[in-house]
Amino acid sequence: MEQALLNIGFGNTVVAERVVAILSPNSNPMKRIKDEAREERFLIDATHGRKTRAIIVMDSNHVILSAIQAETVASRFEALIQDGELHEEE
């Protein structure tokens, strides 16, 4: 079975089926999620040194930081669903 990959910027991808949430990093609760993930060693920084513009939470509790706007990542995710590359499990 081929898995759909979600582009999160700078040549980085994640398995789309494993994404739980795509969040904007601009609030204190989101900063706490990021800090807790760093402490637990579940944080993956895919920003390439740029400002964090999206936080992606995976079903494995990994937290991925992206320099691409959360809205852009979400629209890419939606495009995968519309193209039929991402199937909702029943």
PDB file of N, CA and C in Angstrom:
ATOM      1  N   MET A   1       0.836  -1.180   0.000  1.00  0.00           N
ATOM      2  CA  MET A   1       0.000   0.000   0.000  1.00  0.00           C
ATOM      3  C   MET A   1       0.883   1.245   0.000  1.00  0.00           C
ATOM      4  N   GLU A   2       0.637   2.140  -0.912  1.00  0.00           N
ATOM      5  CA  GLU A   2       1.404   3.370  -1.021  1.00  0.00           C
ATOM      6  C   GLU A   2       0.820   4.419  -0.083  1.00  0.00           C
ATOM      7  N   GLN A   3       1.704   5.116   0.625  1.00  0.00           N
ATOM      8  CA  GLN A   3       1.256   6.116   1.578  1.00  0.00           C
ATOM      9  C   GLN A   3       1.386   7.508   0.976  1.00  0.00           C
ATOM     10  N   ALA A   4       0.381   8.344   1.219  1.00  0.00           N
ATOM     11  CA  ALA A   4       0.406   9.723   0.734  1.00  0.00           C
ATOM     12  C   ALA A   4       1.342  10.533   1.623  1.00  0.00           C
ATOM     13  N   LEU A   5       2.198  11.325   0.985  1.00  0.00           N
ATOM     14  CA  LEU A   5       3.138  12.166   1.717  1.00  0.00           C
ATOM     15  C   LEU A   5       2.692  13.620   1.645  1.00  0.00           C
ATOM     16  N   LEU A   6       2.757  14.289   2.777  1.00  0.00           N
ATOM     17  CA  LEU A   6       2.383  15.694   2.892  1.00  0.00           C
ATOM     18  C   LEU A   6       3.648  16.536   2.922  1.00  0.00           C
ATOM     19  N   ASN A   7       3.781  17.447   1.970  1.00  0.00           N
ATOM     20  CA  ASN A   7       4.944  18.334   1.888  1.00  0.00           C
ATOM     21  C   ASN A   7       4.828  19.411   2.964  1.00  0.00           C
ATOM     22  N   ILE A   8       5.830  19.474   3.851  1.00  0.00           N
ATOM     23  CA  ILE A   8       5.812  20.475   4.920  1.00  0.00           C
ATOM     24  C   ILE A   8       6.903  21.529   4.714  1.00  0.00           C
ATOM     25  N   GLY A   9       7.482  21.542   3.522  1.00  0.00           N
ATOM     26  CA  GLY A   9       8.444  22.583   3.172  1.00  0.00           C
ATOM     27  C   GLY A   9       9.885  22.120   3.137  1.00  0.00           C
ATOM     28  N   PHE A  10      10.665  22.742   2.252  1.00  0.00           N
ATOM     29  CA  PHE A  10      12.099  22.519   2.119  1.00  0.00           C
ATOM     30  C   PHE A  10      12.449  21.056   1.855  1.00  0.00           C
ATOM     31  N   GLY A  11      11.608  20.387   1.086  1.00  0.00           N
ATOM     32  CA  GLY A  11      11.868  18.990   0.735  1.00  0.00           C
ATOM     33  C   GLY A  11      11.515  17.996   1.819  1.00  0.00           C
ATOM     34  N   ASN A  12      10.888  18.445   2.880  1.00  0.00           N
ATOM     35  CA  ASN A  12      10.495  17.571   3.986  1.00  0.00           C
ATOM     36  C   ASN A  12       9.052  17.125   3.804  1.00  0.00           C
ATOM     37  N   THR A  13       8.801  15.858   4.096  1.00  0.00           N
ATOM     38  CA  THR A  13       7.449  15.315   3.997  1.00  0.00           C
ATOM     39  C   THR A  13       7.136  14.475   5.229  1.00  0.00           C
ATOM     40  N   VAL A  14       5.845  14.324   5.497  1.00  0.00           N
ATOM     41  CA  VAL A  14       5.375  13.431   6.550  1.00  0.00           C
ATOM     42  C   VAL A  14       4.294  12.547   5.950  1.00  0.00           C
ATOM     43  N   VAL A  15       4.058  11.401   6.560  1.00  0.00           N
ATOM     44  CA  VAL A  15       3.000  10.509   6.112  1.00  0.00           C
ATOM     45  C   VAL A  15       1.667  11.138   6.505  1.00  0.00           C
ATOM     46  N   ALA A  16       0.883  11.504   5.512  1.00  0.00           N
ATOM     47  CA  ALA A  16      -0.347  12.272   5.739  1.00  0.00           C
ATOM     48  C   ALA A  16      -1.344  11.548   6.639  1.00  0.00           C
ATOM     49  N   GLU A  17      -1.425  10.233   6.520  1.00  0.00           N
ATOM     50  CA  GLU A  17      -2.391   9.469   7.320  1.00  0.00           C
ATOM     51  C   GLU A  17      -2.106   9.537   8.814  1.00  0.00           C
ATOM     52  N   ARG A  18      -0.898   9.921   9.180  1.00  0.00           N
ATOM     53  CA  ARG A  18      -0.507   9.937  10.592  1.00  0.00           C
ATOM     54  C   ARG A  18      -0.640  11.314  11.234  1.00  0.00           C
ATOM     55  N   VAL A  19      -1.064  12.316  10.456  1.00  0.00           N
ATOM     56  CA  VAL A  19      -1.228  13.673  10.983  1.00  0.00           C
ATOM     57  C   VAL A  19      -2.498  13.739  11.825  1.00  0.00           C
ATOM     58  N   VAL A  20      -2.355  14.257  13.039  1.00  0.00           N
ATOM     59  CA  VAL A  20      -3.496  14.435  13.936  1.00  0.00           C
ATOM     60  C   VAL A  20      -3.995  15.874  13.877  1.00  0.00           C
ATOM     61  N   ALA A  21      -3.047  16.834  13.849  1.00  0.00           N
ATOM     62  CA  ALA A  21      -3.436  18.247  13.872  1.00  0.00           C
ATOM     63  C   ALA A  21      -2.370  19.101  13.200  1.00  0.00           C
ATOM     64  N   ILE A  22      -2.832  20.180  12.574  1.00  0.00           N
ATOM     65  CA  ILE A  22      -1.962  21.204  12.013  1.00  0.00           C
ATOM     66  C   ILE A  22      -2.333  22.494  12.728  1.00  0.00           C
ATOM     67  N   LEU A  23      -1.391  23.041  13.487  1.00  0.00           N
ATOM     68  CA  LEU A  23      -1.690  24.138  14.395  1.00  0.00           C
ATOM     69  C   LEU A  23      -0.854  25.375  14.096  1.00  0.00           C
ATOM     70  N   SER A  24      -1.402  26.522  14.441  1.00  0.00           N
ATOM     71  CA  SER A  24      -0.660  27.778  14.367  1.00  0.00           C
ATOM     72  C   SER A  24       0.111  27.936  15.676  1.00  0.00           C
ATOM     73  N   PRO A  25       1.373  28.352  15.634  1.00  0.00           N
ATOM     74  CA  PRO A  25       2.215  28.359  16.840  1.00  0.00           C
ATOM     75  C   PRO A  25       2.118  29.620  17.694  1.00  0.00           C
ATOM     76  N   ASN A  26       1.149  30.482  17.450  1.00  0.00           N
ATOM     77  CA  ASN A  26       1.166  31.822  18.037  1.00  0.00           C
ATOM     78  C   ASN A  26       0.524  31.970  19.410  1.00  0.00           C
ATOM     79  N   SER A  27       0.207  30.890  20.086  1.00  0.00           N
ATOM     80  CA  SER A  27      -0.411  31.018  21.408  1.00  0.00           C
ATOM     81  C   SER A  27       0.442  30.306  22.460  1.00  0.00           C
ATOM     82  N   ASN A  28       0.203  30.664  23.711  1.00  0.00           N
ATOM     83  CA  ASN A  28       0.954  30.035  24.797  1.00  0.00           C
ATOM     84  C   ASN A  28       0.727  28.533  24.896  1.00  0.00           C
ATOM     85  N   PRO A  29      -0.502  28.026  24.715  1.00  0.00           N
ATOM     86  CA  PRO A  29      -0.673  26.566  24.748  1.00  0.00           C
ATOM     87  C   PRO A  29       0.145  25.849  23.662  1.00  0.00           C
ATOM     88  N   MET A  30       0.274  26.455  22.492  1.00  0.00           N
ATOM     89  CA  MET A  30       1.068  25.839  21.419  1.00  0.00           C
ATOM     90  C   MET A  30       2.551  25.863  21.785  1.00  0.00           C
ATOM     91  N   LYS A  31       2.990  26.930  22.431  1.00  0.00           N
ATOM     92  CA  LYS A  31       4.380  27.002  22.883  1.00  0.00           C
ATOM     93  C   LYS A  31       4.652  25.943  23.946  1.00  0.00           C
ATOM     94  N   ARG A  32       3.656  25.675  24.807  1.00  0.00           N
ATOM     95  CA  ARG A  32       3.802  24.626  25.815  1.00  0.00           C
ATOM     96  C   ARG A  32       3.899  23.254  25.165  1.00  0.00           C
ATOM     97  N   ILE A  33       3.087  23.011  24.123  1.00  0.00           N
ATOM     98  CA  ILE A  33       3.152  21.739  23.394  1.00  0.00           C
ATOM     99  C   ILE A  33       4.558  21.551  22.824  1.00  0.00           C
ATOM    100  N   LYS A  34       5.086  22.600  22.234  1.00  0.00           N
ATOM    101  CA  LYS A  34       6.429  22.549  21.647  1.00  0.00           C
ATOM    102  C   LYS A  34       7.481  22.286  22.725  1.00  0.00           C
ATOM    103  N   ASP A  35       7.401  22.986  23.848  1.00  0.00           N
ATOM    104  CA  ASP A  35       8.373  22.823  24.927  1.00  0.00           C
ATOM    105  C   ASP A  35       8.303  21.431  25.541  1.00  0.00           C
ATOM    106  N   GLU A  36       7.087  20.913  25.733  1.00  0.00           N
ATOM    107  CA  GLU A  36       6.926  19.571  26.301  1.00  0.00           C
ATOM    108  C   GLU A  36       7.472  18.516  25.348  1.00  0.00           C
ATOM    109  N   ALA A  37       7.242  18.692  24.057  1.00  0.00           N
ATOM    110  CA  ALA A  37       7.765  17.747  23.074  1.00  0.00           C
ATOM    111  C   ALA A  37       9.293  17.767  23.073  1.00  0.00           C
ATOM    112  N   ARG A  38       9.868  18.951  23.218  1.00  0.00           N
ATOM    113  CA  ARG A  38      11.339  19.066  23.275  1.00  0.00           C
ATOM    114  C   ARG A  38      11.875  18.318  24.493  1.00  0.00           C
ATOM    115  N   GLU A  39      11.233  18.505  25.649  1.00  0.00           N
ATOM    116  CA  GLU A  39      11.669  17.827  26.878  1.00  0.00           C
ATOM    117  C   GLU A  39      11.575  16.316  26.745  1.00  0.00           C
ATOM    118  N   GLU A  40      10.524  15.828  26.110  1.00  0.00           N
ATOM    119  CA  GLU A  40      10.299  14.388  25.950  1.00  0.00           C
ATOM    120  C   GLU A  40      11.048  13.808  24.750  1.00  0.00           C
ATOM    121  N   ARG A  41      11.767  14.668  24.013  1.00  0.00           N
ATOM    122  CA  ARG A  41      12.541  14.273  22.835  1.00  0.00           C
ATOM    123  C   ARG A  41      11.646  13.750  21.699  1.00  0.00           C
ATOM    124  N   PHE A  42      10.468  14.375  21.558  1.00  0.00           N
ATOM    125  CA  PHE A  42       9.537  14.065  20.479  1.00  0.00           C
ATOM    126  C   PHE A  42       9.409  15.225  19.497  1.00  0.00           C
ATOM    127  N   LEU A  43      10.294  16.211  19.599  1.00  0.00           N
ATOM    128  CA  LEU A  43      10.232  17.386  18.740  1.00  0.00           C
ATOM    129  C   LEU A  43      11.135  17.193  17.524  1.00  0.00           C
ATOM    130  N   ILE A  44      10.584  17.472  16.347  1.00  0.00           N
ATOM    131  CA  ILE A  44      11.353  17.436  15.103  1.00  0.00           C
ATOM    132  C   ILE A  44      11.264  18.823  14.485  1.00  0.00           C
ATOM    133  N   ASP A  45      12.414  19.469  14.323  1.00  0.00           N
ATOM    134  CA  ASP A  45      12.465  20.818  13.761  1.00  0.00           C
ATOM    135  C   ASP A  45      12.792  20.732  12.279  1.00  0.00           C
ATOM    136  N   ALA A  46      11.801  21.021  11.435  1.00  0.00           N
ATOM    137  CA  ALA A  46      11.986  20.987   9.983  1.00  0.00           C
ATOM    138  C   ALA A  46      11.918  22.399   9.398  1.00  0.00           C
ATOM    139  N   THR A  47      12.307  23.392  10.203  1.00  0.00           N
ATOM    140  CA  THR A  47      12.209  24.788   9.753  1.00  0.00           C
ATOM    141  C   THR A  47      13.445  25.262   8.999  1.00  0.00           C
ATOM    142  N   HIS A  48      14.532  24.520   9.068  1.00  0.00           N
ATOM    143  CA  HIS A  48      15.799  24.927   8.441  1.00  0.00           C
ATOM    144  C   HIS A  48      16.242  26.299   8.936  1.00  0.00           C
ATOM    145  N   GLY A  49      16.056  26.560  10.231  1.00  0.00           N
ATOM    146  CA  GLY A  49      16.505  27.800  10.841  1.00  0.00           C
ATOM    147  C   GLY A  49      15.568  28.979  10.667  1.00  0.00           C
ATOM    148  N   ARG A  50      14.448  28.765  10.030  1.00  0.00           N
ATOM    149  CA  ARG A  50      13.493  29.854   9.823  1.00  0.00           C
ATOM    150  C   ARG A  50      12.461  29.876  10.953  1.00  0.00           C
ATOM    151  N   LYS A  51      11.628  30.898  10.936  1.00  0.00           N
ATOM    152  CA  LYS A  51      10.590  31.048  11.954  1.00  0.00           C
ATOM    153  C   LYS A  51       9.561  29.923  11.841  1.00  0.00           C
ATOM    154  N   THR A  52       9.134  29.395  12.985  1.00  0.00           N
ATOM    155  CA  THR A  52       8.101  28.357  13.008  1.00  0.00           C
ATOM    156  C   THR A  52       6.759  28.984  12.671  1.00  0.00           C
ATOM    157  N   ARG A  53       6.110  28.465  11.640  1.00  0.00           N
ATOM    158  CA  ARG A  53       4.809  28.982  11.219  1.00  0.00           C
ATOM    159  C   ARG A  53       3.702  27.935  11.316  1.00  0.00           C
ATOM    160  N   ALA A  54       4.081  26.683  11.566  1.00  0.00           N
ATOM    161  CA  ALA A  54       3.084  25.623  11.753  1.00  0.00           C
ATOM    162  C   ALA A  54       3.651  24.556  12.678  1.00  0.00           C
ATOM    163  N   ILE A  55       2.785  24.003  13.500  1.00  0.00           N
ATOM    164  CA  ILE A  55       3.124  22.885  14.364  1.00  0.00           C
ATOM    165  C   ILE A  55       2.250  21.720  13.913  1.00  0.00           C
ATOM    166  N   ILE A  56       2.875  20.602  13.595  1.00  0.00           N
ATOM    167  CA  ILE A  56       2.159  19.424  13.120  1.00  0.00           C
ATOM    168  C   ILE A  56       2.285  18.340  14.179  1.00  0.00           C
ATOM    169  N   VAL A  57       1.146  17.867  14.687  1.00  0.00           N
ATOM    170  CA  VAL A  57       1.119  16.820  15.703  1.00  0.00           C
ATOM    171  C   VAL A  57       0.800  15.502  15.002  1.00  0.00           C
ATOM    172  N   MET A  58       1.621  14.490  15.277  1.00  0.00           N
ATOM    173  CA  MET A  58       1.459  13.185  14.654  1.00  0.00           C
ATOM    174  C   MET A  58       0.822  12.204  15.637  1.00  0.00           C
ATOM    175  N   ASP A  59       0.314  11.091  15.125  1.00  0.00           N
ATOM    176  CA  ASP A  59      -0.329  10.104  15.982  1.00  0.00           C
ATOM    177  C   ASP A  59       0.658   9.378  16.903  1.00  0.00           C
ATOM    178  N   SER A  60       1.940   9.535  16.662  1.00  0.00           N
ATOM    179  CA  SER A  60       2.981   8.939  17.503  1.00  0.00           C
ATOM    180  C   SER A  60       3.414   9.886  18.627  1.00  0.00           C
ATOM    181  N   ASN A  61       2.719  11.012  18.779  1.00  0.00           N
ATOM    182  CA  ASN A  61       3.022  12.079  19.736  1.00  0.00           C
ATOM    183  C   ASN A  61       4.227  12.915  19.334  1.00  0.00           C
ATOM    184  N   HIS A  62       4.782  12.695  18.154  1.00  0.00           N
ATOM    185  CA  HIS A  62       5.846  13.561  17.665  1.00  0.00           C
ATOM    186  C   HIS A  62       5.235  14.908  17.281  1.00  0.00           C
ATOM    187  N   VAL A  63       5.995  15.959  17.513  1.00  0.00           N
ATOM    188  CA  VAL A  63       5.586  17.316  17.169  1.00  0.00           C
ATOM    189  C   VAL A  63       6.610  17.828  16.158  1.00  0.00           C
ATOM    190  N   ILE A  64       6.129  18.238  14.988  1.00  0.00           N
ATOM    191  CA  ILE A  64       7.000  18.673  13.907  1.00  0.00           C
ATOM    192  C   ILE A  64       6.792  20.160  13.675  1.00  0.00           C
ATOM    193  N   LEU A  65       7.898  20.898  13.621  1.00  0.00           N
ATOM    194  CA  LEU A  65       7.847  22.329  13.355  1.00  0.00           C
ATOM    195  C   LEU A  65       8.118  22.565  11.882  1.00  0.00           C
ATOM    196  N   SER A  66       7.308  23.434  11.263  1.00  0.00           N
ATOM    197  CA  SER A  66       7.466  23.760   9.850  1.00  0.00           C
ATOM    198  C   SER A  66       7.524  25.275   9.680  1.00  0.00           C
ATOM    199  N   ALA A  67       8.280  25.722   8.685  1.00  0.00           N
ATOM    200  CA  ALA A  67       8.370  27.152   8.377  1.00  0.00           C
ATOM    201  C   ALA A  67       7.299  27.572   7.381  1.00  0.00           C
ATOM    202  N   ILE A  68       6.450  26.642   6.969  1.00  0.00           N
ATOM    203  CA  ILE A  68       5.352  26.928   6.047  1.00  0.00           C
ATOM    204  C   ILE A  68       4.113  27.277   6.882  1.00  0.00           C
ATOM    205  N   GLN A  69       3.335  28.265   6.440  1.00  0.00           N
ATOM    206  CA  GLN A  69       2.119  28.665   7.147  1.00  0.00           C
ATOM    207  C   GLN A  69       1.193  27.465   7.387  1.00  0.00           C
ATOM    208  N   ALA A  70       0.559  27.429   8.554  1.00  0.00           N
ATOM    209  CA  ALA A  70      -0.360  26.341   8.891  1.00  0.00           C
ATOM    210  C   ALA A  70      -1.480  26.224   7.857  1.00  0.00           C
ATOM    211  N   GLU A  71      -1.963  27.359   7.357  1.00  0.00           N
ATOM    212  CA  GLU A  71      -3.030  27.344   6.352  1.00  0.00           C
ATOM    213  C   GLU A  71      -2.559  26.681   5.062  1.00  0.00           C
ATOM    214  N   THR A  72      -1.308  26.908   4.691  1.00  0.00           N
ATOM    215  CA  THR A  72      -0.752  26.313   3.478  1.00  0.00           C
ATOM    216  C   THR A  72      -0.618  24.801   3.638  1.00  0.00           C
ATOM    217  N   VAL A  73      -0.108  24.367   4.781  1.00  0.00           N
ATOM    218  CA  VAL A  73       0.027  22.929   5.040  1.00  0.00           C
ATOM    219  C   VAL A  73      -1.355  22.284   5.043  1.00  0.00           C
ATOM    220  N   ALA A  74      -2.330  22.949   5.671  1.00  0.00           N
ATOM    221  CA  ALA A  74      -3.691  22.416   5.716  1.00  0.00           C
ATOM    222  C   ALA A  74      -4.300  22.331   4.318  1.00  0.00           C
ATOM    223  N   SER A  75      -4.046  23.305   3.462  1.00  0.00           N
ATOM    224  CA  SER A  75      -4.597  23.249   2.096  1.00  0.00           C
ATOM    225  C   SER A  75      -3.933  22.128   1.299  1.00  0.00           C
ATOM    226  N   ARG A  76      -2.651  21.870   1.539  1.00  0.00           N
ATOM    227  CA  ARG A  76      -1.982  20.741   0.881  1.00  0.00           C
ATOM    228  C   ARG A  76      -2.584  19.420   1.351  1.00  0.00           C
ATOM    229  N   PHE A  77      -2.893  19.350   2.647  1.00  0.00           N
ATOM    230  CA  PHE A  77      -3.525  18.158   3.207  1.00  0.00           C
ATOM    231  C   PHE A  77      -4.902  17.947   2.579  1.00  0.00           C
ATOM    232  N   GLU A  78      -5.673  19.021   2.477  1.00  0.00           N
ATOM    233  CA  GLU A  78      -7.002  18.964   1.854  1.00  0.00           C
ATOM    234  C   GLU A  78      -6.906  18.533   0.397  1.00  0.00           C
ATOM    235  N   ALA A  79      -5.883  18.997  -0.316  1.00  0.00           N
ATOM    236  CA  ALA A  79      -5.695  18.614  -1.720  1.00  0.00           C
ATOM    237  C   ALA A  79      -5.441  17.106  -1.842  1.00  0.00           C
ATOM    238  N   LEU A  80      -4.716  16.531  -0.889  1.00  0.00           N
ATOM    239  CA  LEU A  80      -4.488  15.084  -0.899  1.00  0.00           C
ATOM    240  C   LEU A  80      -5.808  14.330  -0.749  1.00  0.00           C
ATOM    241  N   ILE A  81      -6.675  14.836   0.120  1.00  0.00           N
ATOM    242  CA  ILE A  81      -7.983  14.206   0.321  1.00  0.00           C
ATOM    243  C   ILE A  81      -8.813  14.314  -0.954  1.00  0.00           C
ATOM    244  N   GLN A  82      -8.856  15.502  -1.554  1.00  0.00           N
ATOM    245  CA  GLN A  82      -9.660  15.716  -2.755  1.00  0.00           C
ATOM    246  C   GLN A  82      -9.150  14.920  -3.945  1.00  0.00           C
ATOM    247  N   ASP A  83      -7.835  14.720  -4.024  1.00  0.00           N
ATOM    248  CA  ASP A  83      -7.249  13.950  -5.125  1.00  0.00           C
ATOM    249  C   ASP A  83      -7.387  12.451  -4.913  1.00  0.00           C
ATOM    250  N   GLY A  84      -7.917  12.055  -3.753  1.00  0.00           N
ATOM    251  CA  GLY A  84      -8.113  10.643  -3.482  1.00  0.00           C
ATOM    252  C   GLY A  84      -6.857   9.926  -3.051  1.00  0.00           C
ATOM    253  N   GLU A  85      -5.788  10.671  -2.757  1.00  0.00           N
ATOM    254  CA  GLU A  85      -4.548  10.043  -2.310  1.00  0.00           C
ATOM    255  C   GLU A  85      -4.589   9.685  -0.840  1.00  0.00           C
ATOM    256  N   LEU A  86      -5.460  10.340  -0.106  1.00  0.00           N
ATOM    257  CA  LEU A  86      -5.578  10.100   1.327  1.00  0.00           C
ATOM    258  C   LEU A  86      -6.969   9.525   1.587  1.00  0.00           C
ATOM    259  N   HIS A  87      -6.985   8.357   2.204  1.00  0.00           N
ATOM    260  CA  HIS A  87      -8.254   7.680   2.463  1.00  0.00           C
ATOM    261  C   HIS A  87      -8.524   7.677   3.953  1.00  0.00           C
ATOM    262  N   GLU A  88      -9.724   8.084   4.320  1.00  0.00           N
ATOM    263  CA  GLU A  88     -10.134   8.034   5.719  1.00  0.00           C
ATOM    264  C   GLU A  88     -10.368   6.583   6.088  1.00  0.00           C
ATOM    265  N   GLU A  89      -9.838   6.170   7.264  1.00  0.00           N
ATOM    266  CA  GLU A  89     -10.068   4.793   7.712  1.00  0.00           C
ATOM    267  C   GLU A  89     -11.464   4.688   8.296  1.00  0.00           C
ATOM    268  N   GLU A  90     -12.079   3.553   8.054  1.00  0.00           N
ATOM    269  CA  GLU A  90     -13.468   3.369   8.506  1.00  0.00           C
ATOM    270  C   GLU A  90     -13.516   2.610   9.806  1.00  0.00           C
TER     271      GLU A  90
END
